[in-house]
Amino acid sequence: MRTQSSLVGFSLALLLPAFALAAQTTVSLGAGYINPSTVVVNAGDTVVWNNVSSSQQVVIANNGSFQSGAIAPGGQFAATFNTGGTYNYYDNATGSAISGTVIVSGTSIVPQPTYVTTPTQSGVTAASLAAEVQALIAEINAIQGQSGSGVVAPTSSGACPQIGRVLGLGSSGSDVSSLQAFLAANPSIYPEGQITGYYGALTQAAVQRWQVTYHIVSSGSPSTTGYGQVGPRTAAAMAIVCGGGTYNGVGPSTGTSGSNTVSGFIQVSPVSGAAPLSTNIVATVNTANACGGATYTLNFGDGTAPQLIPTAPGNCTQQNQTFQHTYQYGGSYTVTLSAGSHQSTAVVTVSGPGGYSTGTTNSSQPTGSITALISSGPAPLNATFYVSCASGLAYDVVFGDGTDLGSTGVSQSSCNGGLQGVAHTYSSNGSYTAQLEIFVRNSNGTVTPTSVASQPIIVGSGSSGSSGSNSTTYQPPTVTPNVGGNPLAVSLQYGYDTNGCQVSIQWGDGTAINPTGCSTFSGQTQTYTQTHTYAQAGSYTITLQRASQTNSVGVSITN
């Protein structure tokens, strides 16, 4: 019997003359462009993408037939197209979905294109040779039909497959080996049990049996319905079943019934870069097509408020939602989509400390305080928090109602030792806890948030409108228009003492101030004046908050 190695040698000798006629076309991937964006090649030709930019690039076919993964600056990705047709693709590393097209003419040579990514640019000859070797391996496996030698997998489930791309005929790599080991755990799905690292006819048949068993798809082709191809939905279903869950009422063992009602997966792009790193996160929920309804939680992993994704009862189809999120600081963040016992994760790696290039490592617990001028009252409750943090790089206030300062607010915050005002409106009745989180740099250079203080907030019934012991009753403020002869300028006169030295003034035109300075007073009520100039004439309502007391006064500006 001819061995695998001798068969490879024989096939190489047999097939190399045919590949000697193949041509190669080079495409450049730059910062925001693909040149040329459309190329025309013959079946059997190779297209080599050169990354000429200073950042990573990713080439992905629209139909999932090829995907490069991250191409490093100076690196290459080569694909040999053996099937005629039009292949539309895009480069999503820049987030702007720059597109290109490969038009393949001529008679098909093998069922699917093969491809290889090289870490550094090593010349046209090396890239072409690597692609041709991949094509030869595909041809050999196609001839063998995967019926020759191979490693038979044990009948244990082993590790769950880690699939981050579309897998189909012609794919090869460790993810294919992981897929084959998963399928081989069930002899009725993959009786051959061969772990070759190549996606051939036997692997495709096993995937088709698996898709039929779990009611995903039972007819069509990889290009039309995904039948026999491992795409995002099939990969997500495999992750659920491998974790012990059920999918479409079927459990890990064939025929096992179940009532799995939550399932989903996430896709993050990009998954690495320098801070601040803006990402797009696509959350796909209810991939099991359950009808019971559920609420999924998308946690970004950086201490900011999570996003809730509800599915209504009776909605039996999967849903997609896209979120934009910016990671302001360096570190490794785990993005998690969860509901009930189901959980899907992705890791985002951010280099550098972002906008904060200075600061020392904090080996001890950071300290800070958060106090609300008004901690209770009817909805809508306008609360002003005063934050103090002497150590750390920046802070975030998580308001307890599903919101926080947001990426922009966090990037503009700093720990300088003084009091800083943060305004927020609670629109619904309930009890909330606002938390102060301080970002510190760890010994390994990453930056993480730490919760250091909290402030309870009560909105609605049972609220008294008071704020602790600060119960001083102040005289209403007065407004003087036409200050200095300017018809757009007003002055606001108000009194306060040490109980009311945390003051908030909202001028009614979208601007506000938080004046300080009353700490020099010793219990005596003092009169203070603030001036403001409006941009245009109109009627405005000025709102003054002093400790537990809120006053509003109207002013009409004519010009």
Protein backbone atom coordinates (compact mmCIF):
# COMPACT_ATOMS: atom_id res chain seq x y z
CA MET A 1 0.00 0.00 0.00
CA ARG A 2 1.34 3.44 -0.89
CA THR A 3 2.03 5.55 2.20
CA GLN A 4 0.80 9.13 2.75
CA SER A 5 4.29 10.59 2.22
CA SER A 6 4.91 8.63 -0.98
CA LEU A 7 1.49 9.61 -2.29
CA VAL A 8 2.29 13.26 -1.58
CA GLY A 9 5.55 12.97 -3.48
CA PHE A 10 3.83 11.22 -6.37
CA SER A 11 1.08 13.83 -6.50
CA LEU A 12 3.57 16.68 -6.44
CA ALA A 13 5.45 15.21 -9.34
CA LEU A 14 2.22 14.64 -11.21
CA LEU A 15 0.60 18.02 -10.58
CA LEU A 16 3.47 20.51 -10.59
CA PRO A 17 3.55 20.88 -14.41
CA ALA A 18 -0.07 22.03 -14.43
CA PHE A 19 0.58 24.62 -11.70
CA ALA A 20 3.62 25.92 -13.52
CA LEU A 21 1.18 27.58 -15.92
CA ALA A 22 -0.68 29.40 -13.14
CA ALA A 23 -0.28 33.18 -12.90
CA GLN A 24 -0.11 35.47 -9.91
CA THR A 25 -1.75 38.86 -9.38
CA THR A 26 -0.72 41.25 -6.62
CA VAL A 27 -3.11 43.58 -4.74
CA SER A 28 -1.99 46.28 -2.29
CA LEU A 29 -3.85 46.91 0.99
CA GLY A 30 -3.28 50.46 2.13
CA ALA A 31 -4.73 52.79 4.75
CA GLY A 32 -8.25 53.18 3.37
CA TYR A 33 -7.74 51.75 -0.10
CA ILE A 34 -7.40 48.53 -2.12
CA ASN A 35 -5.34 48.78 -5.33
CA PRO A 36 -6.45 47.52 -7.74
CA SER A 37 -9.94 47.07 -6.35
CA THR A 38 -10.96 44.67 -9.14
CA VAL A 39 -8.75 41.98 -10.68
CA VAL A 40 -9.53 39.39 -13.38
CA VAL A 41 -7.70 36.03 -13.19
CA ASN A 42 -8.02 32.54 -14.64
CA ALA A 43 -9.02 29.44 -12.70
CA GLY A 44 -5.93 28.14 -10.91
CA ASP A 45 -4.33 31.60 -10.59
CA THR A 46 -3.19 33.07 -7.28
CA VAL A 47 -4.02 36.50 -5.85
CA VAL A 48 -1.57 37.88 -3.26
CA TRP A 49 -2.65 40.75 -1.00
CA ASN A 50 0.30 42.79 0.34
CA ASN A 51 -0.30 44.87 3.46
CA VAL A 52 1.55 48.10 2.66
CA SER A 53 -0.02 50.01 5.54
CA SER A 54 1.27 50.48 9.09
CA SER A 55 -1.67 48.67 10.72
CA GLN A 56 -3.23 45.21 10.57
CA GLN A 57 -5.59 44.42 7.68
CA VAL A 58 -8.22 41.66 7.34
CA VAL A 59 -9.51 40.34 4.00
CA ILE A 60 -12.90 38.56 4.16
CA ALA A 61 -15.00 37.15 1.31
CA ASN A 62 -18.65 38.23 1.34
CA ASN A 63 -19.77 34.62 0.87
CA GLY A 64 -17.34 33.28 3.50
CA SER A 65 -15.24 31.31 0.98
CA PHE A 66 -11.99 32.79 2.30
CA GLN A 67 -10.80 34.86 5.25
CA SER A 68 -7.26 35.98 5.97
CA GLY A 69 -7.26 36.69 9.69
CA ALA A 70 -4.99 39.55 10.81
CA ILE A 71 -2.35 40.44 8.20
CA ALA A 72 0.51 42.21 9.94
CA PRO A 73 2.12 45.31 8.37
CA GLY A 74 4.41 44.03 5.63
CA GLY A 75 2.67 40.65 5.64
CA GLN A 76 0.81 38.83 2.90
CA PHE A 77 -2.30 36.79 2.29
CA ALA A 78 -2.45 34.53 -0.78
CA ALA A 79 -5.50 32.77 -2.23
CA THR A 80 -5.49 30.36 -5.17
CA PHE A 81 -8.84 30.52 -6.98
CA ASN A 82 -9.65 27.19 -8.60
CA THR A 83 -13.36 27.81 -9.19
CA GLY A 84 -14.74 30.23 -11.75
CA GLY A 85 -17.02 33.02 -10.60
CA THR A 86 -17.06 36.47 -8.99
CA TYR A 87 -15.67 36.80 -5.45
CA ASN A 88 -16.58 40.02 -3.66
CA TYR A 89 -14.60 40.77 -0.52
CA TYR A 90 -13.90 43.57 1.91
CA ASP A 91 -11.15 44.81 4.20
CA ASN A 92 -12.77 45.52 7.58
CA ALA A 93 -9.65 46.42 9.59
CA THR A 94 -10.29 50.14 9.08
CA GLY A 95 -13.97 49.82 10.01
CA SER A 96 -15.05 51.42 6.73
CA ALA A 97 -15.75 48.17 4.78
CA ILE A 98 -13.49 48.93 1.81
CA SER A 99 -14.47 46.44 -0.88
CA GLY A 100 -12.78 44.63 -3.76
CA THR A 101 -13.60 42.01 -6.37
CA VAL A 102 -11.82 38.99 -7.85
CA ILE A 103 -13.32 37.75 -11.14
CA VAL A 104 -12.24 34.17 -11.95
CA SER A 105 -12.78 32.93 -15.52
CA GLY A 106 -12.22 29.46 -16.96
CA THR A 107 -13.03 25.90 -15.98
CA SER A 108 -13.00 24.96 -12.30
CA ILE A 109 -10.01 22.89 -11.16
CA VAL A 110 -10.86 21.89 -7.58
CA PRO A 111 -14.06 22.54 -5.56
CA GLN A 112 -12.83 25.47 -3.43
CA PRO A 113 -10.01 28.06 -3.39
CA THR A 114 -7.19 27.52 -0.90
CA TYR A 115 -5.24 30.20 0.85
CA VAL A 116 -2.38 30.98 3.22
CA THR A 117 -1.34 33.97 5.32
CA THR A 118 2.36 34.72 5.78
CA PRO A 119 3.39 36.79 8.84
CA THR A 120 5.94 38.92 6.99
CA GLN A 121 6.44 39.89 3.40
CA SER A 122 8.89 37.34 2.01
CA GLY A 123 8.56 37.93 -1.71
CA VAL A 124 6.29 36.86 -4.50
CA THR A 125 7.94 33.47 -5.01
CA ALA A 126 7.45 32.34 -1.41
CA ALA A 127 3.79 33.43 -1.32
CA SER A 128 3.02 31.73 -4.62
CA LEU A 129 4.75 28.52 -3.56
CA ALA A 130 2.86 28.45 -0.24
CA ALA A 131 -0.46 28.88 -2.02
CA GLU A 132 0.39 26.17 -4.56
CA VAL A 133 1.36 23.74 -1.79
CA GLN A 134 -2.00 24.37 -0.12
CA ALA A 135 -3.72 23.67 -3.45
CA LEU A 136 -1.76 20.43 -3.89
CA ILE A 137 -2.73 19.26 -0.41
CA ALA A 138 -6.38 19.99 -1.21
CA GLU A 139 -6.09 18.02 -4.45
CA ILE A 140 -4.49 15.05 -2.68
CA ASN A 141 -7.20 14.99 -0.02
CA ALA A 142 -9.87 15.27 -2.69
CA ILE A 143 -8.38 12.26 -4.49
CA GLN A 144 -8.21 10.27 -1.27
CA GLY A 145 -11.70 11.38 -0.18
CA GLN A 146 -10.28 11.31 3.37
CA SER A 147 -10.51 7.52 3.23
CA GLY A 148 -6.80 6.88 3.69
CA SER A 149 -4.69 7.12 6.79
CA GLY A 150 -5.70 9.43 9.60
CA VAL A 151 -5.96 9.69 13.36
CA VAL A 152 -9.13 8.17 14.75
CA ALA A 153 -10.58 10.35 17.48
CA PRO A 154 -11.63 8.94 20.82
CA THR A 155 -15.34 8.93 21.61
CA SER A 156 -15.06 11.60 24.27
CA SER A 157 -16.19 15.15 23.73
CA GLY A 158 -12.76 16.72 24.46
CA ALA A 159 -12.34 20.48 24.17
CA CYS A 160 -15.07 22.54 22.56
CA PRO A 161 -14.16 23.70 19.04
CA GLN A 162 -12.89 27.27 18.81
CA ILE A 163 -14.16 28.47 15.43
CA GLY A 164 -13.55 32.08 14.43
CA ARG A 165 -14.09 31.86 10.68
CA VAL A 166 -16.31 30.12 8.13
CA LEU A 167 -15.13 26.53 7.57
CA GLY A 168 -15.93 24.55 4.41
CA LEU A 169 -14.43 22.30 1.75
CA GLY A 170 -10.74 23.10 1.35
CA SER A 171 -10.27 24.73 4.79
CA SER A 172 -7.35 23.54 6.87
CA GLY A 173 -5.82 24.31 10.23
CA SER A 174 -6.08 23.62 13.95
CA ASP A 175 -9.69 24.83 14.06
CA VAL A 176 -10.61 22.14 11.53
CA SER A 177 -8.88 19.53 13.74
CA SER A 178 -10.85 20.81 16.74
CA LEU A 179 -14.08 20.58 14.72
CA GLN A 180 -13.32 17.03 13.64
CA ALA A 181 -12.59 15.96 17.24
CA PHE A 182 -15.92 17.43 18.34
CA LEU A 183 -17.84 15.65 15.57
CA ALA A 184 -16.03 12.35 16.18
CA ALA A 185 -17.30 12.24 19.76
CA ASN A 186 -20.58 11.01 18.26
CA PRO A 187 -19.92 7.95 16.00
CA SER A 188 -23.33 8.33 14.37
CA ILE A 189 -22.30 11.82 13.22
CA TYR A 190 -18.68 11.14 12.19
CA PRO A 191 -18.13 7.35 12.10
CA GLU A 192 -14.77 7.66 10.34
CA GLY A 193 -13.43 9.77 13.25
CA GLN A 194 -10.41 11.05 11.30
CA ILE A 195 -8.64 14.15 12.61
CA THR A 196 -6.61 15.36 9.65
CA GLY A 197 -6.84 19.15 9.96
CA TYR A 198 -8.29 19.25 6.43
CA TYR A 199 -11.98 19.87 5.67
CA GLY A 200 -12.76 17.25 3.03
CA ALA A 201 -15.74 15.24 1.86
CA LEU A 202 -16.03 13.16 5.03
CA THR A 203 -15.93 16.23 7.28
CA GLN A 204 -18.55 17.94 5.13
CA ALA A 205 -20.83 14.89 5.38
CA ALA A 206 -20.38 14.82 9.17
CA VAL A 207 -21.27 18.52 9.43
CA GLN A 208 -24.38 17.90 7.34
CA ARG A 209 -25.47 15.08 9.68
CA TRP A 210 -24.89 17.36 12.68
CA GLN A 211 -26.90 20.21 11.11
CA VAL A 212 -29.79 17.85 10.36
CA THR A 213 -29.72 16.39 13.89
CA TYR A 214 -29.97 19.84 15.47
CA HIS A 215 -32.55 21.15 12.96
CA ILE A 216 -30.30 23.87 11.57
CA VAL A 217 -30.49 23.08 7.84
CA SER A 218 -31.13 19.89 5.87
CA SER A 219 -30.85 20.80 2.20
CA GLY A 220 -29.20 23.12 -0.27
CA SER A 221 -25.49 23.80 -0.62
CA PRO A 222 -22.78 25.63 1.35
CA SER A 223 -23.17 28.72 -0.83
CA THR A 224 -27.00 28.85 -0.73
CA THR A 225 -28.13 27.60 2.69
CA GLY A 226 -24.89 26.82 4.48
CA TYR A 227 -25.60 23.06 4.34
CA GLY A 228 -22.29 21.30 5.01
CA GLN A 229 -20.50 24.52 6.00
CA VAL A 230 -19.71 25.76 9.52
CA GLY A 231 -20.85 29.37 9.59
CA PRO A 232 -21.66 31.64 12.57
CA ARG A 233 -24.98 29.98 13.41
CA THR A 234 -23.65 26.41 13.25
CA ALA A 235 -20.56 27.43 15.25
CA ALA A 236 -22.72 29.04 17.93
CA ALA A 237 -24.94 25.95 18.12
CA MET A 238 -21.88 23.73 18.54
CA ALA A 239 -20.64 25.93 21.39
CA ILE A 240 -24.01 25.57 23.15
CA VAL A 241 -24.17 21.79 22.76
CA CYS A 242 -20.51 21.31 23.67
CA GLY A 243 -21.16 23.26 26.86
CA GLY A 244 -23.93 20.81 27.83
CA GLY A 245 -26.87 22.86 26.59
CA THR A 246 -29.62 22.07 24.11
CA TYR A 247 -30.26 23.53 20.68
CA ASN A 248 -33.67 23.44 18.99
CA GLY A 249 -34.78 20.95 21.64
CA VAL A 250 -31.88 18.54 21.07
CA GLY A 251 -29.23 17.91 23.70
CA PRO A 252 -25.55 16.82 23.48
CA SER A 253 -26.59 13.20 22.76
CA THR A 254 -28.59 12.59 19.60
CA GLY A 255 -32.31 12.50 20.31
CA THR A 256 -32.14 14.07 23.75
CA SER A 257 -34.96 16.53 24.19
CA GLY A 258 -34.59 19.79 26.03
CA SER A 259 -36.02 23.25 26.44
CA ASN A 260 -33.10 25.56 25.78
CA THR A 261 -34.52 29.08 25.46
CA VAL A 262 -31.39 31.25 25.31
CA SER A 263 -28.52 31.15 22.85
CA GLY A 264 -26.41 33.60 20.91
CA PHE A 265 -22.96 34.72 19.89
CA ILE A 266 -20.96 37.93 19.43
CA GLN A 267 -18.60 39.22 16.76
CA VAL A 268 -16.12 42.00 17.61
CA SER A 269 -14.10 44.06 15.14
CA PRO A 270 -11.34 45.00 15.58
CA VAL A 271 -10.17 42.79 18.45
CA SER A 272 -6.85 44.58 19.01
CA GLY A 273 -5.28 48.00 18.67
CA ALA A 274 -4.01 51.03 20.54
CA ALA A 275 -6.09 52.98 23.05
CA PRO A 276 -8.51 54.60 22.61
CA LEU A 277 -9.81 51.66 20.54
CA SER A 278 -13.25 51.97 18.88
CA THR A 279 -14.96 48.63 18.24
CA ASN A 280 -18.12 47.36 16.57
CA ILE A 281 -19.80 44.55 18.49
CA VAL A 282 -22.51 42.55 16.70
CA ALA A 283 -24.67 40.58 19.13
CA THR A 284 -26.81 37.82 17.64
CA VAL A 285 -29.38 36.49 20.10
CA ASN A 286 -32.02 33.75 20.08
CA THR A 287 -30.12 31.62 17.56
CA ALA A 288 -32.11 28.64 18.89
CA ASN A 289 -35.30 30.28 17.54
CA ALA A 290 -36.99 29.94 20.94
CA CYS A 291 -40.37 31.60 21.47
CA GLY A 292 -40.37 32.16 25.23
CA GLY A 293 -38.61 35.54 25.33
CA ALA A 294 -35.50 36.44 27.32
CA THR A 295 -33.21 39.32 28.25
CA TYR A 296 -29.55 39.12 27.21
CA THR A 297 -26.78 41.15 28.86
CA LEU A 298 -23.85 42.47 26.81
CA ASN A 299 -20.97 43.33 29.15
CA PHE A 300 -18.04 45.19 27.60
CA GLY A 301 -15.60 44.06 30.30
CA ASP A 302 -14.18 47.50 31.12
CA GLY A 303 -16.46 48.49 34.01
CA THR A 304 -18.85 50.58 31.91
CA ALA A 305 -22.59 49.99 32.02
CA PRO A 306 -23.72 46.84 30.19
CA GLN A 307 -26.32 46.81 27.43
CA LEU A 308 -29.57 44.86 27.83
CA ILE A 309 -30.99 43.10 24.75
CA PRO A 310 -34.57 41.90 25.31
CA THR A 311 -36.40 39.42 23.06
CA ALA A 312 -40.18 39.49 23.25
CA PRO A 313 -42.25 36.35 23.91
CA GLY A 314 -43.62 34.99 20.66
CA ASN A 315 -40.69 36.29 18.61
CA CYS A 316 -39.23 32.97 17.45
CA THR A 317 -36.47 34.28 15.17
CA GLN A 318 -32.91 35.36 15.87
CA GLN A 319 -32.07 39.06 16.18
CA ASN A 320 -28.95 41.12 15.46
CA GLN A 321 -27.92 44.34 17.16
CA THR A 322 -24.73 46.33 16.57
CA PHE A 323 -23.07 48.38 19.31
CA GLN A 324 -20.18 50.82 19.08
CA HIS A 325 -17.91 50.85 22.12
CA THR A 326 -14.61 52.61 22.79
CA TYR A 327 -11.96 51.22 25.13
CA GLN A 328 -10.15 54.19 26.58
CA TYR A 329 -7.30 52.36 28.34
CA GLY A 330 -4.83 49.58 27.66
CA GLY A 331 -5.64 46.08 28.89
CA SER A 332 -7.26 42.79 28.00
CA TYR A 333 -11.07 42.94 28.11
CA THR A 334 -13.53 40.04 27.91
CA VAL A 335 -16.76 40.95 26.11
CA THR A 336 -19.57 38.71 27.38
CA LEU A 337 -23.05 38.01 26.03
CA SER A 338 -25.06 36.12 28.64
CA ALA A 339 -28.60 35.06 29.47
CA GLY A 340 -29.45 32.44 32.06
CA SER A 341 -26.80 29.70 31.93
CA HIS A 342 -25.70 30.62 28.40
CA GLN A 343 -22.57 32.70 27.86
CA SER A 344 -20.53 33.70 24.80
CA THR A 345 -17.28 35.64 25.05
CA ALA A 346 -14.71 37.46 22.95
CA VAL A 347 -11.43 39.06 24.02
CA VAL A 348 -10.34 42.59 23.04
CA THR A 349 -6.67 43.46 23.57
CA VAL A 350 -5.84 47.17 23.86
CA SER A 351 -2.29 48.47 24.06
CA GLY A 352 -1.16 51.59 25.91
CA PRO A 353 -2.87 53.73 28.53
CA GLY A 354 -4.89 55.72 25.96
CA GLY A 355 -5.27 59.45 26.57
CA TYR A 356 -3.46 59.20 29.91
CA SER A 357 0.22 58.86 29.14
CA THR A 358 1.36 59.75 32.66
CA GLY A 359 0.65 58.38 36.09
CA THR A 360 2.29 55.95 38.44
CA THR A 361 1.42 52.38 39.25
CA ASN A 362 -1.13 52.08 42.03
CA SER A 363 -0.35 49.09 44.22
CA SER A 364 -2.85 50.11 46.92
CA GLN A 365 -6.61 50.59 46.89
CA PRO A 366 -7.53 54.00 45.40
CA THR A 367 -9.66 56.35 47.49
CA GLY A 368 -12.41 58.77 46.62
CA SER A 369 -15.86 59.99 47.55
CA ILE A 370 -19.21 60.64 45.87
CA THR A 371 -22.01 62.78 47.37
CA ALA A 372 -25.32 63.87 45.87
CA LEU A 373 -26.80 67.32 46.41
CA ILE A 374 -30.25 65.75 46.26
CA SER A 375 -30.49 62.02 46.97
CA SER A 376 -34.27 61.61 46.82
CA GLY A 377 -37.33 63.17 45.24
CA PRO A 378 -40.05 62.64 42.65
CA ALA A 379 -39.28 61.66 39.08
CA PRO A 380 -37.74 63.10 37.05
CA LEU A 381 -35.03 63.65 39.66
CA ASN A 382 -32.14 65.91 38.63
CA ALA A 383 -29.22 64.77 40.78
CA THR A 384 -25.83 66.44 40.94
CA PHE A 385 -23.00 64.29 42.27
CA TYR A 386 -19.79 65.75 43.66
CA VAL A 387 -16.83 63.46 43.05
CA SER A 388 -13.42 63.50 44.65
CA CYS A 389 -10.49 61.25 43.74
CA ALA A 390 -6.93 62.14 44.64
CA SER A 391 -5.23 59.06 43.17
CA GLY A 392 -5.73 57.26 39.89
CA LEU A 393 -5.85 58.26 36.25
CA ALA A 394 -9.55 58.97 35.76
CA TYR A 395 -12.97 58.14 37.15
CA ASP A 396 -16.37 56.94 36.00
CA VAL A 397 -19.76 57.34 37.68
CA VAL A 398 -22.08 54.36 37.16
CA PHE A 399 -25.52 55.81 37.96
CA GLY A 400 -27.29 52.52 38.73
CA ASP A 401 -30.03 52.90 36.10
CA GLY A 402 -28.09 51.24 33.30
CA THR A 403 -26.08 54.31 32.30
CA ASP A 404 -22.72 55.86 33.17
CA LEU A 405 -20.60 58.78 32.00
CA GLY A 406 -19.87 56.98 28.73
CA SER A 407 -16.57 56.79 26.90
CA THR A 408 -16.42 60.53 26.19
CA GLY A 409 -17.21 61.48 29.79
CA VAL A 410 -14.60 59.10 31.17
CA SER A 411 -11.92 60.36 28.79
CA GLN A 412 -12.58 63.93 29.99
CA SER A 413 -12.46 63.07 33.71
CA SER A 414 -9.36 63.27 35.86
CA CYS A 415 -8.40 62.72 39.49
CA ASN A 416 -6.96 66.04 40.62
CA GLY A 417 -7.96 66.02 44.29
CA GLY A 418 -10.73 68.63 43.99
CA LEU A 419 -14.50 68.32 43.91
CA GLN A 420 -15.97 67.81 40.46
CA GLY A 421 -19.67 68.00 39.64
CA VAL A 422 -21.51 65.35 37.62
CA ALA A 423 -25.19 65.89 36.73
CA HIS A 424 -27.65 63.09 35.95
CA THR A 425 -31.44 62.76 35.59
CA TYR A 426 -33.33 59.73 36.90
CA SER A 427 -36.51 59.47 34.84
CA SER A 428 -38.17 56.47 36.54
CA ASN A 429 -39.17 55.72 40.13
CA GLY A 430 -37.00 53.29 42.04
CA SER A 431 -34.03 52.85 44.33
CA TYR A 432 -30.61 53.27 42.72
CA THR A 433 -27.00 53.12 43.84
CA ALA A 434 -24.55 55.40 42.06
CA GLN A 435 -20.99 54.06 42.18
CA LEU A 436 -17.70 55.87 41.80
CA GLU A 437 -15.09 53.87 39.90
CA ILE A 438 -11.47 55.01 39.72
CA PHE A 439 -9.14 53.82 36.95
CA VAL A 440 -5.66 52.83 38.12
CA ARG A 441 -2.64 51.50 36.27
CA ASN A 442 -1.59 48.02 37.36
CA SER A 443 1.97 46.76 37.72
CA ASN A 444 1.75 45.07 34.30
CA GLY A 445 0.89 48.38 32.63
CA THR A 446 -2.83 47.76 32.09
CA VAL A 447 -5.50 50.13 33.38
CA THR A 448 -8.59 48.83 35.19
CA PRO A 449 -11.52 50.41 37.08
CA THR A 450 -12.01 49.87 40.82
CA SER A 451 -15.26 50.70 42.69
CA VAL A 452 -14.42 52.86 45.72
CA ALA A 453 -17.60 54.62 46.91
CA SER A 454 -21.36 54.72 46.40
CA GLN A 455 -24.34 57.01 46.91
CA PRO A 456 -27.94 55.72 47.28
CA ILE A 457 -30.65 57.49 45.29
CA ILE A 458 -34.41 57.11 45.90
CA VAL A 459 -36.83 58.28 43.22
CA GLY A 460 -40.58 58.25 43.73
CA SER A 461 -42.80 57.33 46.66
CA GLY A 462 -41.28 57.46 50.11
CA SER A 463 -38.74 60.11 49.11
CA SER A 464 -38.51 63.19 51.24
CA GLY A 465 -36.47 65.46 48.99
CA SER A 466 -33.88 65.94 51.71
CA SER A 467 -30.17 65.27 51.57
CA GLY A 468 -28.99 64.07 54.96
CA SER A 469 -28.40 66.68 57.62
CA ASN A 470 -28.26 69.59 55.19
CA SER A 471 -31.71 70.90 56.00
CA THR A 472 -31.20 74.66 55.82
CA THR A 473 -34.09 76.60 54.22
CA TYR A 474 -32.82 79.39 51.97
CA GLN A 475 -34.47 82.51 50.64
CA PRO A 476 -35.54 82.23 47.00
CA PRO A 477 -33.01 83.61 44.52
CA THR A 478 -33.52 86.85 42.63
CA VAL A 479 -32.64 87.64 39.03
CA THR A 480 -31.49 91.03 37.68
CA PRO A 481 -31.67 91.46 33.90
CA ASN A 482 -29.77 93.83 31.60
CA VAL A 483 -26.54 93.59 33.58
CA GLY A 484 -24.03 96.26 32.54
CA GLY A 485 -26.41 97.48 29.86
CA ASN A 486 -26.26 94.17 28.01
CA PRO A 487 -29.85 92.98 27.33
CA LEU A 488 -28.62 89.36 27.05
CA ALA A 489 -26.86 89.36 30.44
CA VAL A 490 -28.45 88.50 33.81
CA SER A 491 -27.22 88.13 37.38
CA LEU A 492 -28.49 85.57 39.91
CA GLN A 493 -28.32 86.47 43.62
CA TYR A 494 -28.71 83.70 46.20
CA GLY A 495 -27.73 82.94 49.77
CA TYR A 496 -25.91 79.93 51.20
CA ASP A 497 -23.87 78.79 54.17
CA THR A 498 -21.62 75.82 54.95
CA ASN A 499 -24.60 73.46 54.62
CA GLY A 500 -25.13 74.60 51.05
CA CYS A 501 -21.67 75.08 49.65
CA GLN A 502 -22.34 72.46 46.98
CA VAL A 503 -24.35 74.53 44.51
CA SER A 504 -25.65 73.77 41.03
CA ILE A 505 -27.03 76.41 38.66
CA GLN A 506 -28.71 75.47 35.39
CA TRP A 507 -29.30 78.55 33.24
CA GLY A 508 -32.06 77.00 31.11
CA ASP A 509 -30.16 77.22 27.82
CA GLY A 510 -28.29 73.94 28.20
CA THR A 511 -25.40 75.37 30.24
CA ALA A 512 -24.72 74.89 33.95
CA ILE A 513 -22.12 75.76 36.58
CA ASN A 514 -21.20 74.34 39.97
CA PRO A 515 -19.69 77.27 41.90
CA THR A 516 -17.65 76.59 45.05
CA GLY A 517 -15.94 78.74 47.63
CA CYS A 518 -18.32 78.69 50.59
CA SER A 519 -15.96 76.57 52.68
CA THR A 520 -14.53 79.88 54.04
CA PHE A 521 -17.88 80.75 55.66
CA SER A 522 -18.55 79.78 59.28
CA GLY A 523 -22.25 79.07 59.40
CA GLN A 524 -23.25 82.60 58.42
CA THR A 525 -25.57 82.88 55.45
CA GLN A 526 -23.82 84.78 52.70
CA THR A 527 -25.12 86.30 49.47
CA TYR A 528 -23.43 85.33 46.26
CA THR A 529 -23.91 86.59 42.70
CA GLN A 530 -23.37 84.72 39.45
CA THR A 531 -23.70 86.33 36.03
CA HIS A 532 -24.60 84.74 32.73
CA THR A 533 -24.96 85.96 29.14
CA TYR A 534 -27.45 84.23 26.85
CA ALA A 535 -26.68 83.74 23.18
CA GLN A 536 -30.08 84.93 22.03
CA ALA A 537 -33.36 86.38 23.24
CA GLY A 538 -36.05 84.10 24.67
CA SER A 539 -37.74 82.84 27.83
CA TYR A 540 -35.59 80.73 30.15
CA THR A 541 -36.03 78.96 33.50
CA ILE A 542 -33.06 79.15 35.88
CA THR A 543 -32.82 76.24 38.33
CA LEU A 544 -30.78 76.64 41.55
CA GLN A 545 -29.94 73.66 43.78
CA ARG A 546 -28.60 74.27 47.30
CA ALA A 547 -28.27 71.22 49.57
CA SER A 548 -31.83 69.89 49.96
CA GLN A 549 -33.55 72.88 48.35
CA THR A 550 -34.36 73.48 44.69
CA ASN A 551 -35.67 76.82 43.36
CA SER A 552 -36.67 77.80 39.84
CA VAL A 553 -37.11 81.31 38.52
CA GLY A 554 -38.12 82.45 35.04
CA VAL A 555 -36.45 85.20 33.05
CA SER A 556 -37.42 86.79 29.75
CA ILE A 557 -34.59 88.07 27.56
CA THR A 558 -35.34 90.63 24.85
CA ASN A 559 -32.87 92.12 22.48
